[in-house]
Amino acid sequence: MTGTETATSGARMSSWQRLRADYRATLKSMDTEEGIDLAFYRPIGYVWARIAKRLGVTPNAITIASIFLGVGAGICFYFPTLWINIIGMLLLIWANSYDSADGQLARMTHQYSRLGRILDGLAGDFWFATIYVAICLREVHTSEFYMAHNAAIWCLAVAAGLCHAKQAAMADCYRQLHLFFLKGEEGSELEDYQALRAKLASLSWRHNFWQKLTLTFYTNYTRQQEGTSPAMQRMRRELNARYGTAPAPEAFRAEFRRLSLPLMKYTNILSFNWRTIALFASLFASMPWLYFACELIVFNAIMVMMIWRHERICTRLTQELKDGKYPADQPAGN
């Protein structure tokens, strides 16, 4: 190999390494990333994000585009025709690749905002609200049982939808807590209900209508997360009482991450990917109501296990804080 060829090969390798480093910087963390996302959605999302960055498209614009794709997917699931359902599946996969891309673009361009986080959550709500309604209408119009018992499928859907919302909220809550102790406040979207409530009170319906409306929903979302995780909130209060605004001691952060990491699999199972696997399987079986049953039985059981184990971790660490096991870190240079 000549010197020129060696230099060219080295430049290519350097370019590939830079590209890989840039891609990894768009991920939340290897601790919390889900396997299907890493293998499929994140690489595709990265390509979309690079295209959007070059064209000057914002993360929120990508999120809004994903809403239209996800709603279109839901409409396709109304029809009891497999090829139309498959089109819907492809649209939903496309929508989720955009959902991945908006976050990756935000990290790539540092365009973080609470509005973006709220809009990102609402996108999924629009997708699944459409899917739930489409499945109900499909069953009412095609199933002899649900033709005779219309209320049954709607009650099943409402129950499944409420459980879905709780499952997603708690998975997000514990994932953000893990990211908080892994990457600090800058790398996490962990919120505090009282702080949000104070911010909400400072806004005027007359002058900040849309901001106040979205923040109202988000504040209620955070309140429900905190109400379902009392041990976690006690731990946060104990940390605040002992260390104030300073970071928790490194020994504490490392111990929390060690205990929390094995439980990230529960938060990932309650994410989009495994829900859609259950949804697609029920559509291929021509029994879409089975998806609701999966939400109520399988995913609820996983949520209960996740909450129970995380709350036990928080209770243990709170007691260790009270016992003085984690003294504050010494300032650098001491």
C-alpha atoms as a PDB file:
ATOM      1  CA  MET A   1       0.000   0.000   0.000  1.00  0.00           C
ATOM      2  CA  THR A   2       1.430   3.403  -0.992  1.00  0.00           C
ATOM      3  CA  GLY A   3       1.670   6.376   1.337  1.00  0.00           C
ATOM      4  CA  THR A   4      -1.216   8.059  -0.500  1.00  0.00           C
ATOM      5  CA  GLU A   5      -3.427   4.971  -0.120  1.00  0.00           C
ATOM      6  CA  THR A   6      -2.561   4.727   3.561  1.00  0.00           C
ATOM      7  CA  ALA A   7      -3.458   8.375   4.102  1.00  0.00           C
ATOM      8  CA  THR A   8      -6.743   7.912   2.212  1.00  0.00           C
ATOM      9  CA  SER A   9      -7.605   4.826   4.267  1.00  0.00           C
ATOM     10  CA  GLY A  10      -6.813   6.701   7.465  1.00  0.00           C
ATOM     11  CA  ALA A  11      -8.990   9.626   6.400  1.00  0.00           C
ATOM     12  CA  ARG A  12     -11.881   7.264   5.646  1.00  0.00           C
ATOM     13  CA  MET A  13     -11.475   5.576   9.009  1.00  0.00           C
ATOM     14  CA  SER A  14     -11.357   8.938  10.734  1.00  0.00           C
ATOM     15  CA  SER A  15     -14.493  10.057   8.890  1.00  0.00           C
ATOM     16  CA  TRP A  16     -16.294   6.818   9.862  1.00  0.00           C
ATOM     17  CA  GLN A  17     -15.217   7.226  13.484  1.00  0.00           C
ATOM     18  CA  ARG A  18     -16.491  10.802  13.520  1.00  0.00           C
ATOM     19  CA  LEU A  19     -19.805   9.687  12.037  1.00  0.00           C
ATOM     20  CA  ARG A  20     -20.145   6.924  14.617  1.00  0.00           C
ATOM     21  CA  ALA A  21     -19.302   9.301  17.463  1.00  0.00           C
ATOM     22  CA  ASP A  22     -21.854  11.787  16.139  1.00  0.00           C
ATOM     23  CA  TYR A  23     -24.488   9.039  15.984  1.00  0.00           C
ATOM     24  CA  ARG A  24     -23.782   7.866  19.542  1.00  0.00           C
ATOM     25  CA  ALA A  25     -24.100  11.464  20.759  1.00  0.00           C
ATOM     26  CA  THR A  26     -27.720  11.450  19.544  1.00  0.00           C
ATOM     27  CA  LEU A  27     -28.611   8.524  21.830  1.00  0.00           C
ATOM     28  CA  LYS A  28     -30.000   9.083  25.311  1.00  0.00           C
ATOM     29  CA  SER A  29     -27.695   6.518  26.913  1.00  0.00           C
ATOM     30  CA  MET A  30     -26.720   2.914  26.367  1.00  0.00           C
ATOM     31  CA  ASP A  31     -28.211   2.168  29.784  1.00  0.00           C
ATOM     32  CA  THR A  32     -31.722   3.090  28.722  1.00  0.00           C
ATOM     33  CA  GLU A  33     -31.808   2.385  24.985  1.00  0.00           C
ATOM     34  CA  GLU A  34     -34.019  -0.520  23.891  1.00  0.00           C
ATOM     35  CA  GLY A  35     -32.580  -3.278  21.682  1.00  0.00           C
ATOM     36  CA  ILE A  36     -35.001  -2.869  18.774  1.00  0.00           C
ATOM     37  CA  ASP A  37     -34.415   0.880  18.825  1.00  0.00           C
ATOM     38  CA  LEU A  38     -30.647   0.414  18.650  1.00  0.00           C
ATOM     39  CA  ALA A  39     -30.898  -2.130  15.850  1.00  0.00           C
ATOM     40  CA  PHE A  40     -33.539  -0.377  13.761  1.00  0.00           C
ATOM     41  CA  TYR A  41     -35.148   2.912  14.778  1.00  0.00           C
ATOM     42  CA  ARG A  42     -32.107   4.845  16.005  1.00  0.00           C
ATOM     43  CA  PRO A  43     -30.034   4.331  12.823  1.00  0.00           C
ATOM     44  CA  ILE A  44     -33.019   5.302  10.659  1.00  0.00           C
ATOM     45  CA  GLY A  45     -33.836   8.205  12.961  1.00  0.00           C
ATOM     46  CA  TYR A  46     -30.239   9.403  12.705  1.00  0.00           C
ATOM     47  CA  VAL A  47     -30.492   9.531   8.906  1.00  0.00           C
ATOM     48  CA  TRP A  48     -33.752  11.486   9.129  1.00  0.00           C
ATOM     49  CA  ALA A  49     -32.168  13.824  11.700  1.00  0.00           C
ATOM     50  CA  ARG A  50     -29.162  14.557   9.482  1.00  0.00           C
ATOM     51  CA  ILE A  51     -31.454  15.292   6.520  1.00  0.00           C
ATOM     52  CA  ALA A  52     -33.641  17.534   8.698  1.00  0.00           C
ATOM     53  CA  LYS A  53     -30.601  19.380  10.039  1.00  0.00           C
ATOM     54  CA  ARG A  54     -29.361  20.050   6.526  1.00  0.00           C
ATOM     55  CA  LEU A  55     -32.794  21.314   5.434  1.00  0.00           C
ATOM     56  CA  GLY A  56     -33.317  23.416   8.573  1.00  0.00           C
ATOM     57  CA  VAL A  57     -36.321  21.381   9.777  1.00  0.00           C
ATOM     58  CA  THR A  58     -36.967  21.641  13.528  1.00  0.00           C
ATOM     59  CA  PRO A  59     -37.558  18.704  15.907  1.00  0.00           C
ATOM     60  CA  ASN A  60     -41.112  19.899  16.566  1.00  0.00           C
ATOM     61  CA  ALA A  61     -41.870  19.883  12.825  1.00  0.00           C
ATOM     62  CA  ILE A  62     -40.766  16.245  12.638  1.00  0.00           C
ATOM     63  CA  THR A  63     -42.967  15.434  15.638  1.00  0.00           C
ATOM     64  CA  ILE A  64     -45.986  17.030  13.964  1.00  0.00           C
ATOM     65  CA  ALA A  65     -45.304  15.031  10.783  1.00  0.00           C
ATOM     66  CA  SER A  66     -45.223  11.859  12.885  1.00  0.00           C
ATOM     67  CA  ILE A  67     -48.704  12.667  14.211  1.00  0.00           C
ATOM     68  CA  PHE A  68     -50.169  12.608  10.688  1.00  0.00           C
ATOM     69  CA  LEU A  69     -48.401   9.338   9.877  1.00  0.00           C
ATOM     70  CA  GLY A  70     -49.536   7.697  13.124  1.00  0.00           C
ATOM     71  CA  VAL A  71     -53.129   8.826  12.677  1.00  0.00           C
ATOM     72  CA  GLY A  72     -53.057   7.509   9.111  1.00  0.00           C
ATOM     73  CA  ALA A  73     -51.824   4.174  10.441  1.00  0.00           C
ATOM     74  CA  GLY A  74     -54.695   4.010  12.914  1.00  0.00           C
ATOM     75  CA  ILE A  75     -57.246   4.639  10.171  1.00  0.00           C
ATOM     76  CA  CYS A  76     -55.793   1.714   8.190  1.00  0.00           C
ATOM     77  CA  PHE A  77     -56.426  -0.603  11.135  1.00  0.00           C
ATOM     78  CA  TYR A  78     -60.155   0.013  10.867  1.00  0.00           C
ATOM     79  CA  PHE A  79     -60.385  -2.106   7.705  1.00  0.00           C
ATOM     80  CA  PRO A  80     -60.557  -5.917   8.128  1.00  0.00           C
ATOM     81  CA  THR A  81     -58.273  -6.342   5.117  1.00  0.00           C
ATOM     82  CA  LEU A  82     -54.747  -7.557   5.782  1.00  0.00           C
ATOM     83  CA  TRP A  83     -52.974  -5.627   3.029  1.00  0.00           C
ATOM     84  CA  ILE A  84     -54.501  -2.361   4.262  1.00  0.00           C
ATOM     85  CA  ASN A  85     -53.465  -3.276   7.813  1.00  0.00           C
ATOM     86  CA  ILE A  86     -49.912  -3.876   6.573  1.00  0.00           C
ATOM     87  CA  ILE A  87     -49.892  -0.398   5.034  1.00  0.00           C
ATOM     88  CA  GLY A  88     -50.939   0.877   8.462  1.00  0.00           C
ATOM     89  CA  MET A  89     -48.113  -1.068  10.110  1.00  0.00           C
ATOM     90  CA  LEU A  90     -45.592   0.481   7.726  1.00  0.00           C
ATOM     91  CA  LEU A  91     -47.005   3.960   8.397  1.00  0.00           C
ATOM     92  CA  LEU A  92     -46.743   3.376  12.144  1.00  0.00           C
ATOM     93  CA  ILE A  93     -43.127   2.222  11.785  1.00  0.00           C
ATOM     94  CA  TRP A  94     -42.455   5.344   9.692  1.00  0.00           C
ATOM     95  CA  ALA A  95     -44.099   7.509  12.352  1.00  0.00           C
ATOM     96  CA  ASN A  96     -41.946   5.971  15.066  1.00  0.00           C
ATOM     97  CA  SER A  97     -38.790   6.523  13.031  1.00  0.00           C
ATOM     98  CA  TYR A  98     -39.757  10.218  13.031  1.00  0.00           C
ATOM     99  CA  ASP A  99     -40.408   9.994  16.768  1.00  0.00           C
ATOM    100  CA  SER A 100     -36.848   8.742  17.142  1.00  0.00           C
ATOM    101  CA  ALA A 101     -35.521  11.381  14.747  1.00  0.00           C
ATOM    102  CA  ASP A 102     -37.027  14.361  16.586  1.00  0.00           C
ATOM    103  CA  GLY A 103     -35.186  13.519  19.799  1.00  0.00           C
ATOM    104  CA  GLN A 104     -31.957  12.730  17.969  1.00  0.00           C
ATOM    105  CA  LEU A 105     -32.184  16.009  16.057  1.00  0.00           C
ATOM    106  CA  ALA A 106     -32.817  17.887  19.313  1.00  0.00           C
ATOM    107  CA  ARG A 107     -29.694  16.353  20.849  1.00  0.00           C
ATOM    108  CA  MET A 108     -27.729  16.929  17.640  1.00  0.00           C
ATOM    109  CA  THR A 109     -28.650  20.625  17.426  1.00  0.00           C
ATOM    110  CA  HIS A 110     -29.241  21.315  21.151  1.00  0.00           C
ATOM    111  CA  GLN A 111     -32.825  22.397  20.422  1.00  0.00           C
ATOM    112  CA  TYR A 112     -34.230  21.159  23.716  1.00  0.00           C
ATOM    113  CA  SER A 113     -37.528  22.500  24.989  1.00  0.00           C
ATOM    114  CA  ARG A 114     -40.273  21.477  27.383  1.00  0.00           C
ATOM    115  CA  LEU A 115     -42.756  22.141  24.584  1.00  0.00           C
ATOM    116  CA  GLY A 116     -40.919  19.597  22.461  1.00  0.00           C
ATOM    117  CA  ARG A 117     -41.147  17.003  25.221  1.00  0.00           C
ATOM    118  CA  ILE A 118     -44.871  17.691  25.677  1.00  0.00           C
ATOM    119  CA  LEU A 119     -45.508  17.559  21.926  1.00  0.00           C
ATOM    120  CA  ASP A 120     -43.557  14.315  21.676  1.00  0.00           C
ATOM    121  CA  GLY A 121     -45.801  12.742  24.306  1.00  0.00           C
ATOM    122  CA  LEU A 122     -48.942  14.066  22.627  1.00  0.00           C
ATOM    123  CA  ALA A 123     -47.874  12.527  19.311  1.00  0.00           C
ATOM    124  CA  GLY A 124     -48.034   9.038  20.775  1.00  0.00           C
ATOM    125  CA  ASP A 125     -51.372   9.862  22.364  1.00  0.00           C
ATOM    126  CA  PHE A 126     -52.796  10.873  18.978  1.00  0.00           C
ATOM    127  CA  TRP A 127     -51.493   7.675  17.367  1.00  0.00           C
ATOM    128  CA  PHE A 128     -52.951   5.321  19.910  1.00  0.00           C
ATOM    129  CA  ALA A 129     -56.217   7.221  20.384  1.00  0.00           C
ATOM    130  CA  THR A 130     -56.822   6.795  16.651  1.00  0.00           C
ATOM    131  CA  ILE A 131     -55.781   3.136  16.790  1.00  0.00           C
ATOM    132  CA  TYR A 132     -58.089   2.425  19.733  1.00  0.00           C
ATOM    133  CA  VAL A 133     -61.092   4.085  18.081  1.00  0.00           C
ATOM    134  CA  ALA A 134     -60.387   2.330  14.760  1.00  0.00           C
ATOM    135  CA  ILE A 135     -60.220  -1.079  16.450  1.00  0.00           C
ATOM    136  CA  CYS A 136     -63.470  -0.438  18.320  1.00  0.00           C
ATOM    137  CA  LEU A 137     -65.315   0.629  15.164  1.00  0.00           C
ATOM    138  CA  ARG A 138     -63.892  -2.341  13.288  1.00  0.00           C
ATOM    139  CA  GLU A 139     -65.077  -4.798  15.933  1.00  0.00           C
ATOM    140  CA  VAL A 140     -68.512  -3.173  16.162  1.00  0.00           C
ATOM    141  CA  HIS A 141     -68.960  -3.480  12.391  1.00  0.00           C
ATOM    142  CA  THR A 142     -67.420  -6.929  11.818  1.00  0.00           C
ATOM    143  CA  SER A 143     -67.713  -9.017  14.992  1.00  0.00           C
ATOM    144  CA  GLU A 144     -71.057 -10.639  15.730  1.00  0.00           C
ATOM    145  CA  PHE A 145     -70.355 -10.520  19.452  1.00  0.00           C
ATOM    146  CA  TYR A 146     -69.476  -6.837  19.538  1.00  0.00           C
ATOM    147  CA  MET A 147     -72.326  -6.002  17.162  1.00  0.00           C
ATOM    148  CA  ALA A 148     -74.619  -7.291  19.880  1.00  0.00           C
ATOM    149  CA  HIS A 149     -72.549  -5.880  22.764  1.00  0.00           C
ATOM    150  CA  ASN A 150     -71.249  -2.513  21.547  1.00  0.00           C
ATOM    151  CA  ALA A 151     -70.471  -1.232  25.012  1.00  0.00           C
ATOM    152  CA  ALA A 152     -68.151  -4.154  25.760  1.00  0.00           C
ATOM    153  CA  ILE A 153     -65.471  -3.222  23.227  1.00  0.00           C
ATOM    154  CA  TRP A 154     -65.589   0.477  24.132  1.00  0.00           C
ATOM    155  CA  CYS A 155     -65.239  -0.311  27.857  1.00  0.00           C
ATOM    156  CA  LEU A 156     -62.356  -2.635  27.064  1.00  0.00           C
ATOM    157  CA  ALA A 157     -60.682   0.076  24.987  1.00  0.00           C
ATOM    158  CA  VAL A 158     -61.112   2.784  27.634  1.00  0.00           C
ATOM    159  CA  ALA A 159     -59.704   0.511  30.345  1.00  0.00           C
ATOM    160  CA  ALA A 160     -56.773  -0.478  28.117  1.00  0.00           C
ATOM    161  CA  GLY A 161     -56.141   3.152  27.154  1.00  0.00           C
ATOM    162  CA  LEU A 162     -56.045   4.330  30.769  1.00  0.00           C
ATOM    163  CA  CYS A 163     -53.664   1.509  31.658  1.00  0.00           C
ATOM    164  CA  HIS A 164     -51.524   2.298  28.610  1.00  0.00           C
ATOM    165  CA  ALA A 165     -51.210   5.923  29.732  1.00  0.00           C
ATOM    166  CA  LYS A 166     -50.195   4.898  33.265  1.00  0.00           C
ATOM    167  CA  GLN A 167     -47.704   2.316  32.002  1.00  0.00           C
ATOM    168  CA  ALA A 168     -46.012   4.786  29.651  1.00  0.00           C
ATOM    169  CA  ALA A 169     -45.921   7.521  32.291  1.00  0.00           C
ATOM    170  CA  MET A 170     -44.263   5.340  34.914  1.00  0.00           C
ATOM    171  CA  ALA A 171     -41.786   3.830  32.469  1.00  0.00           C
ATOM    172  CA  ASP A 172     -40.804   7.372  31.487  1.00  0.00           C
ATOM    173  CA  CYS A 173     -40.596   8.421  35.145  1.00  0.00           C
ATOM    174  CA  TYR A 174     -38.126   5.704  36.137  1.00  0.00           C
ATOM    175  CA  ARG A 175     -36.138   6.061  32.916  1.00  0.00           C
ATOM    176  CA  GLN A 176     -35.677   9.780  33.543  1.00  0.00           C
ATOM    177  CA  LEU A 177     -34.637   9.110  37.137  1.00  0.00           C
ATOM    178  CA  HIS A 178     -31.958   6.702  35.919  1.00  0.00           C
ATOM    179  CA  LEU A 179     -30.756   9.275  33.377  1.00  0.00           C
ATOM    180  CA  PHE A 180     -30.682  11.921  36.109  1.00  0.00           C
ATOM    181  CA  PHE A 181     -28.201   9.914  38.188  1.00  0.00           C
ATOM    182  CA  LEU A 182     -26.297   8.839  35.079  1.00  0.00           C
ATOM    183  CA  LYS A 183     -25.958  12.149  33.226  1.00  0.00           C
ATOM    184  CA  GLY A 184     -27.132  14.800  35.671  1.00  0.00           C
ATOM    185  CA  GLU A 185     -29.828  17.412  35.245  1.00  0.00           C
ATOM    186  CA  GLU A 186     -28.639  18.314  31.742  1.00  0.00           C
ATOM    187  CA  GLY A 187     -29.110  14.773  30.459  1.00  0.00           C
ATOM    188  CA  SER A 188     -32.499  14.073  32.017  1.00  0.00           C
ATOM    189  CA  GLU A 189     -36.038  15.384  31.652  1.00  0.00           C
ATOM    190  CA  LEU A 190     -36.977  14.586  35.250  1.00  0.00           C
ATOM    191  CA  GLU A 191     -39.463  17.192  36.464  1.00  0.00           C
ATOM    192  CA  ASP A 192     -40.744  18.390  39.817  1.00  0.00           C
ATOM    193  CA  TYR A 193     -44.475  18.904  40.292  1.00  0.00           C
ATOM    194  CA  GLN A 194     -44.136  21.840  42.702  1.00  0.00           C
ATOM    195  CA  ALA A 195     -41.755  23.674  40.358  1.00  0.00           C
ATOM    196  CA  LEU A 196     -44.102  23.106  37.429  1.00  0.00           C
ATOM    197  CA  ARG A 197     -47.041  24.265  39.503  1.00  0.00           C
ATOM    198  CA  ALA A 198     -45.215  27.501  40.372  1.00  0.00           C
ATOM    199  CA  LYS A 199     -44.355  28.040  36.713  1.00  0.00           C
ATOM    200  CA  LEU A 200     -47.985  27.399  35.757  1.00  0.00           C
ATOM    201  CA  ALA A 201     -49.205  29.951  38.311  1.00  0.00           C
ATOM    202  CA  SER A 202     -46.904  32.573  36.789  1.00  0.00           C
ATOM    203  CA  LEU A 203     -48.547  32.267  33.373  1.00  0.00           C
ATOM    204  CA  SER A 204     -51.662  34.122  32.297  1.00  0.00           C
ATOM    205  CA  TRP A 205     -54.494  32.508  30.357  1.00  0.00           C
ATOM    206  CA  ARG A 206     -54.948  35.795  28.530  1.00  0.00           C
ATOM    207  CA  HIS A 207     -51.328  36.322  27.470  1.00  0.00           C
ATOM    208  CA  ASN A 208     -49.921  32.758  27.489  1.00  0.00           C
ATOM    209  CA  PHE A 209     -52.958  30.664  26.568  1.00  0.00           C
ATOM    210  CA  TRP A 210     -51.288  27.855  24.592  1.00  0.00           C
ATOM    211  CA  GLN A 211     -48.239  27.677  26.830  1.00  0.00           C
ATOM    212  CA  LYS A 212     -50.446  27.520  29.909  1.00  0.00           C
ATOM    213  CA  LEU A 213     -52.749  24.924  28.350  1.00  0.00           C
ATOM    214  CA  THR A 214     -49.919  22.540  27.438  1.00  0.00           C
ATOM    215  CA  LEU A 215     -48.191  23.114  30.773  1.00  0.00           C
ATOM    216  CA  THR A 216     -51.452  22.348  32.592  1.00  0.00           C
ATOM    217  CA  PHE A 217     -51.583  18.887  31.013  1.00  0.00           C
ATOM    218  CA  TYR A 218     -47.881  18.340  31.629  1.00  0.00           C
ATOM    219  CA  THR A 219     -48.128  19.420  35.266  1.00  0.00           C
ATOM    220  CA  ASN A 220     -50.992  16.984  35.823  1.00  0.00           C
ATOM    221  CA  TYR A 221     -48.956  14.258  34.084  1.00  0.00           C
ATOM    222  CA  THR A 222     -46.048  14.895  36.475  1.00  0.00           C
ATOM    223  CA  ARG A 223     -48.354  14.959  39.504  1.00  0.00           C
ATOM    224  CA  GLN A 224     -49.686  11.524  38.580  1.00  0.00           C
ATOM    225  CA  GLN A 225     -46.145  10.172  38.143  1.00  0.00           C
ATOM    226  CA  GLU A 226     -45.149  11.447  41.569  1.00  0.00           C
ATOM    227  CA  GLY A 227     -48.339  10.167  43.172  1.00  0.00           C
ATOM    228  CA  THR A 228     -47.620   6.644  41.892  1.00  0.00           C
ATOM    229  CA  SER A 229     -43.997   6.660  43.111  1.00  0.00           C
ATOM    230  CA  PRO A 230     -44.082   7.783  46.777  1.00  0.00           C
ATOM    231  CA  ALA A 231     -40.817   6.077  47.737  1.00  0.00           C
ATOM    232  CA  MET A 232     -39.039   7.750  44.845  1.00  0.00           C
ATOM    233  CA  GLN A 233     -40.360  11.140  45.960  1.00  0.00           C
ATOM    234  CA  ARG A 234     -39.227  10.527  49.548  1.00  0.00           C
ATOM    235  CA  MET A 235     -35.756   9.734  48.236  1.00  0.00           C
ATOM    236  CA  ARG A 236     -35.696  12.924  46.172  1.00  0.00           C
ATOM    237  CA  ARG A 237     -36.782  14.974  49.188  1.00  0.00           C
ATOM    238  CA  GLU A 238     -34.101  13.348  51.353  1.00  0.00           C
ATOM    239  CA  LEU A 239     -31.451  14.120  48.750  1.00  0.00           C
ATOM    240  CA  ASN A 240     -32.620  17.726  48.531  1.00  0.00           C
ATOM    241  CA  ALA A 241     -32.624  18.093  52.323  1.00  0.00           C
ATOM    242  CA  ARG A 242     -29.085  16.729  52.638  1.00  0.00           C
ATOM    243  CA  TYR A 243     -27.335  18.153  49.599  1.00  0.00           C
ATOM    244  CA  GLY A 244     -29.547  20.995  48.398  1.00  0.00           C
ATOM    245  CA  THR A 245     -28.816  21.935  44.808  1.00  0.00           C
ATOM    246  CA  ALA A 246     -25.459  20.125  44.827  1.00  0.00           C
ATOM    247  CA  PRO A 247     -25.263  16.798  42.991  1.00  0.00           C
ATOM    248  CA  ALA A 248     -25.781  13.661  45.026  1.00  0.00           C
ATOM    249  CA  PRO A 249     -22.509  11.981  46.065  1.00  0.00           C
ATOM    250  CA  GLU A 250     -20.912   9.890  43.327  1.00  0.00           C
ATOM    251  CA  ALA A 251     -21.103   6.790  45.532  1.00  0.00           C
ATOM    252  CA  PHE A 252     -24.870   7.232  45.815  1.00  0.00           C
ATOM    253  CA  ARG A 253     -25.307   7.843  42.099  1.00  0.00           C
ATOM    254  CA  ALA A 254     -23.239   4.775  41.247  1.00  0.00           C
ATOM    255  CA  GLU A 255     -25.215   2.583  43.654  1.00  0.00           C
ATOM    256  CA  PHE A 256     -28.536   3.792  42.288  1.00  0.00           C
ATOM    257  CA  ARG A 257     -27.446   3.111  38.719  1.00  0.00           C
ATOM    258  CA  ARG A 258     -26.199  -0.340  39.670  1.00  0.00           C
ATOM    259  CA  LEU A 259     -29.554  -1.254  41.212  1.00  0.00           C
ATOM    260  CA  SER A 260     -31.680   0.468  38.578  1.00  0.00           C
ATOM    261  CA  LEU A 261     -29.928  -0.796  35.444  1.00  0.00           C
ATOM    262  CA  PRO A 262     -31.385  -4.347  35.513  1.00  0.00           C
ATOM    263  CA  LEU A 263     -34.859  -2.828  35.756  1.00  0.00           C
ATOM    264  CA  MET A 264     -34.525  -0.749  32.600  1.00  0.00           C
ATOM    265  CA  LYS A 265     -35.771  -3.814  30.714  1.00  0.00           C
ATOM    266  CA  TYR A 266     -39.199  -3.245  32.262  1.00  0.00           C
ATOM    267  CA  THR A 267     -39.304   0.382  31.119  1.00  0.00           C
ATOM    268  CA  ASN A 268     -38.281  -0.747  27.633  1.00  0.00           C
ATOM    269  CA  ILE A 269     -40.934  -3.471  27.425  1.00  0.00           C
ATOM    270  CA  LEU A 270     -43.507  -0.783  28.196  1.00  0.00           C
ATOM    271  CA  SER A 271     -42.236   1.319  25.294  1.00  0.00           C
ATOM    272  CA  PHE A 272     -43.584   1.590  21.752  1.00  0.00           C
ATOM    273  CA  ASN A 273     -41.810  -1.427  20.266  1.00  0.00           C
ATOM    274  CA  TRP A 274     -43.325  -4.204  22.323  1.00  0.00           C
ATOM    275  CA  ARG A 275     -46.769  -2.637  22.172  1.00  0.00           C
ATOM    276  CA  THR A 276     -46.641  -2.635  18.405  1.00  0.00           C
ATOM    277  CA  ILE A 277     -45.450  -6.237  18.314  1.00  0.00           C
ATOM    278  CA  ALA A 278     -48.576  -7.145  20.310  1.00  0.00           C
ATOM    279  CA  LEU A 279     -50.717  -4.902  18.098  1.00  0.00           C
ATOM    280  CA  PHE A 280     -49.353  -6.298  14.822  1.00  0.00           C
ATOM    281  CA  ALA A 281     -49.744  -9.893  16.068  1.00  0.00           C
ATOM    282  CA  SER A 282     -53.399  -9.242  16.923  1.00  0.00           C
ATOM    283  CA  LEU A 283     -53.985  -7.729  13.464  1.00  0.00           C
ATOM    284  CA  PHE A 284     -52.346 -10.646  11.678  1.00  0.00           C
ATOM    285  CA  ALA A 285     -54.578 -12.947  13.740  1.00  0.00           C
ATOM    286  CA  SER A 286     -57.639 -10.860  12.698  1.00  0.00           C
ATOM    287  CA  MET A 287     -58.457 -10.407  16.392  1.00  0.00           C
ATOM    288  CA  PRO A 288     -57.432  -6.808  17.145  1.00  0.00           C
ATOM    289  CA  TRP A 289     -59.295  -6.888  20.477  1.00  0.00           C
ATOM    290  CA  LEU A 290     -56.489  -9.156  21.716  1.00  0.00           C
ATOM    291  CA  TYR A 291     -54.266  -6.080  21.829  1.00  0.00           C
ATOM    292  CA  PHE A 292     -56.516  -4.577  24.516  1.00  0.00           C
ATOM    293  CA  ALA A 293     -56.318  -7.816  26.495  1.00  0.00           C
ATOM    294  CA  CYS A 294     -52.525  -7.704  26.258  1.00  0.00           C
ATOM    295  CA  GLU A 295     -52.505  -4.142  27.613  1.00  0.00           C
ATOM    296  CA  LEU A 296     -54.731  -5.107  30.529  1.00  0.00           C
ATOM    297  CA  ILE A 297     -53.051  -8.371  31.485  1.00  0.00           C
ATOM    298  CA  VAL A 298     -49.449  -8.583  30.279  1.00  0.00           C
ATOM    299  CA  PHE A 299     -48.330  -4.952  30.292  1.00  0.00           C
ATOM    300  CA  ASN A 300     -50.135  -4.164  33.549  1.00  0.00           C
ATOM    301  CA  ALA A 301     -48.349  -7.068  35.251  1.00  0.00           C
ATOM    302  CA  ILE A 302     -45.010  -5.748  33.992  1.00  0.00           C
ATOM    303  CA  MET A 303     -45.857  -2.242  35.211  1.00  0.00           C
ATOM    304  CA  VAL A 304     -46.721  -3.486  38.701  1.00  0.00           C
ATOM    305  CA  MET A 305     -43.447  -5.420  38.861  1.00  0.00           C
ATOM    306  CA  MET A 306     -41.502  -2.383  37.650  1.00  0.00           C
ATOM    307  CA  ILE A 307     -43.049  -0.019  40.187  1.00  0.00           C
ATOM    308  CA  TRP A 308     -42.672  -2.481  43.062  1.00  0.00           C
ATOM    309  CA  ARG A 309     -38.994  -3.126  42.406  1.00  0.00           C
ATOM    310  CA  HIS A 310     -38.096   0.516  41.784  1.00  0.00           C
ATOM    311  CA  GLU A 311     -39.905   1.628  44.903  1.00  0.00           C
ATOM    312  CA  ARG A 312     -38.006  -0.980  46.942  1.00  0.00           C
ATOM    313  CA  ILE A 313     -34.727   0.411  45.619  1.00  0.00           C
ATOM    314  CA  CYS A 314     -35.744   3.961  46.547  1.00  0.00           C
ATOM    315  CA  THR A 315     -36.871   2.905  50.042  1.00  0.00           C
ATOM    316  CA  ARG A 316     -33.553   1.150  50.669  1.00  0.00           C
ATOM    317  CA  LEU A 317     -31.448   4.069  49.442  1.00  0.00           C
ATOM    318  CA  THR A 318     -33.488   6.593  51.424  1.00  0.00           C
ATOM    319  CA  GLN A 319     -32.779   4.641  54.601  1.00  0.00           C
ATOM    320  CA  GLU A 320     -29.083   4.472  53.726  1.00  0.00           C
ATOM    321  CA  LEU A 321     -29.073   8.244  53.246  1.00  0.00           C
ATOM    322  CA  LYS A 322     -30.613   8.679  56.708  1.00  0.00           C
ATOM    323  CA  ASP A 323     -27.983   6.331  58.141  1.00  0.00           C
ATOM    324  CA  GLY A 324     -25.251   8.599  56.793  1.00  0.00           C
ATOM    325  CA  LYS A 325     -23.828   6.068  54.356  1.00  0.00           C
ATOM    326  CA  TYR A 326     -23.255   8.667  51.616  1.00  0.00           C
ATOM    327  CA  PRO A 327     -21.317  11.729  52.828  1.00  0.00           C
ATOM    328  CA  ALA A 328     -21.122  14.656  50.457  1.00  0.00           C
ATOM    329  CA  ASP A 329     -18.290  14.569  47.945  1.00  0.00           C
ATOM    330  CA  GLN A 330     -15.294  16.757  48.793  1.00  0.00           C
ATOM    331  CA  PRO A 331     -14.812  19.768  46.500  1.00  0.00           C
ATOM    332  CA  ALA A 332     -12.189  19.266  43.826  1.00  0.00           C
ATOM    333  CA  GLY A 333      -8.683  20.168  45.030  1.00  0.00           C
ATOM    334  CA  ASN A 334      -9.349  19.315  48.697  1.00  0.00           C
END
